[in-house]
Protein backbone atom coordinates (compact mmCIF):
# COMPACT_ATOMS: atom_id res chain seq x y z
CA UNK A 1 -21.46 -24.55 15.93
CA UNK A 2 -20.85 -21.09 16.60
CA UNK A 3 -20.91 -18.31 14.09
CA UNK A 4 -17.14 -17.91 13.79
CA UNK A 5 -16.89 -21.63 12.71
CA UNK A 6 -19.59 -21.20 10.12
CA UNK A 7 -17.95 -18.04 8.85
CA UNK A 8 -14.55 -19.67 8.68
CA UNK A 9 -15.97 -22.73 6.88
CA UNK A 10 -17.73 -20.61 4.41
CA UNK A 11 -14.72 -18.74 3.63
CA UNK A 12 -12.43 -21.77 3.14
CA UNK A 13 -15.04 -23.30 0.97
CA UNK A 14 -15.14 -20.18 -1.18
CA UNK A 15 -11.42 -19.94 -1.36
CA UNK A 16 -11.10 -23.60 -2.29
CA UNK A 17 -13.87 -23.08 -5.11
CA UNK A 18 -11.90 -20.16 -6.51
CA UNK A 19 -8.62 -21.92 -6.31
CA UNK A 20 -10.10 -25.04 -8.15
CA UNK A 21 -11.73 -22.58 -10.85
CA UNK A 22 -8.56 -20.95 -11.40
CA UNK A 23 -6.51 -24.19 -11.70
CA UNK A 24 -9.09 -25.26 -14.45
CA UNK A 25 -9.01 -21.93 -16.27
CA UNK A 26 -5.41 -21.13 -16.11
CA UNK A 27 -6.12 -17.29 -15.53
CA UNK A 28 -4.37 -16.79 -12.20
CA UNK A 29 -5.18 -12.88 -11.89
CA UNK A 30 -9.05 -13.16 -12.18
CA UNK A 31 -10.95 -13.09 -9.10
CA UNK A 32 -8.19 -12.57 -6.53
CA UNK A 33 -9.36 -9.08 -5.66
CA UNK A 34 -12.57 -10.45 -4.78
CA UNK A 35 -11.11 -13.38 -2.78
CA UNK A 36 -9.00 -10.76 -0.81
CA UNK A 37 -11.94 -8.49 -0.15
CA UNK A 38 -14.19 -11.39 1.16
CA UNK A 39 -11.37 -12.81 3.38
CA UNK A 40 -10.95 -9.22 4.77
CA UNK A 41 -14.53 -9.02 5.42
CA UNK A 42 -14.66 -12.22 7.33
CA UNK A 43 -11.61 -11.13 9.34
CA UNK A 44 -13.13 -7.91 10.30
CA UNK A 45 -16.31 -9.87 11.25
CA UNK A 46 -14.30 -12.13 13.49
CA UNK A 47 -12.58 -9.03 15.25
CA UNK A 48 -15.95 -7.43 15.74
CA UNK A 49 -17.39 -10.66 17.27
CA UNK A 50 -14.55 -11.27 19.40
CA UNK A 51 -14.54 -7.68 20.58
CA UNK A 52 -18.34 -8.01 21.52
CA UNK A 53 -17.88 -11.23 23.34
CA UNK A 54 -15.03 -9.83 25.48
CA UNK A 55 -17.00 -6.81 26.20
CA UNK A 56 -20.11 -8.93 27.39
CA UNK A 57 -17.56 -11.14 29.55
CA UNK A 58 -15.98 -8.17 31.14
CA UNK A 59 -19.36 -6.61 32.01
CA UNK A 60 -20.67 -9.89 33.37
CA UNK A 61 -17.45 -10.50 35.37
CA UNK A 62 -17.62 -6.88 36.81
CA UNK A 63 -21.28 -7.39 38.00
CA UNK A 64 -20.54 -10.70 39.81
CA UNK A 65 -21.06 -9.91 43.66
CA UNK A 66 -18.37 -11.17 45.93
CA UNK A 67 -18.55 -11.48 49.68
C-alpha cells in the first residue's frame, strides 16, 4: 500500500464516522469545519506528494544515458 492510499482510506473513514455521528445527533452544522479542514489537508498532502514523485521521475529520466 502506498501512502496516498493510506491517507485516502483514513480520510474516508473519518468522514464516514463524522457522517454517522451527525445522523445520530441530528446536529448537522457541528464538525463540518473540521471535516473540511481535514479533507483540505489531505488534498494538499496528495498534491505535494505527487509533485515530489513527478520531480523525481523527471530527474531520473533526464539522467538516463542513451547511445
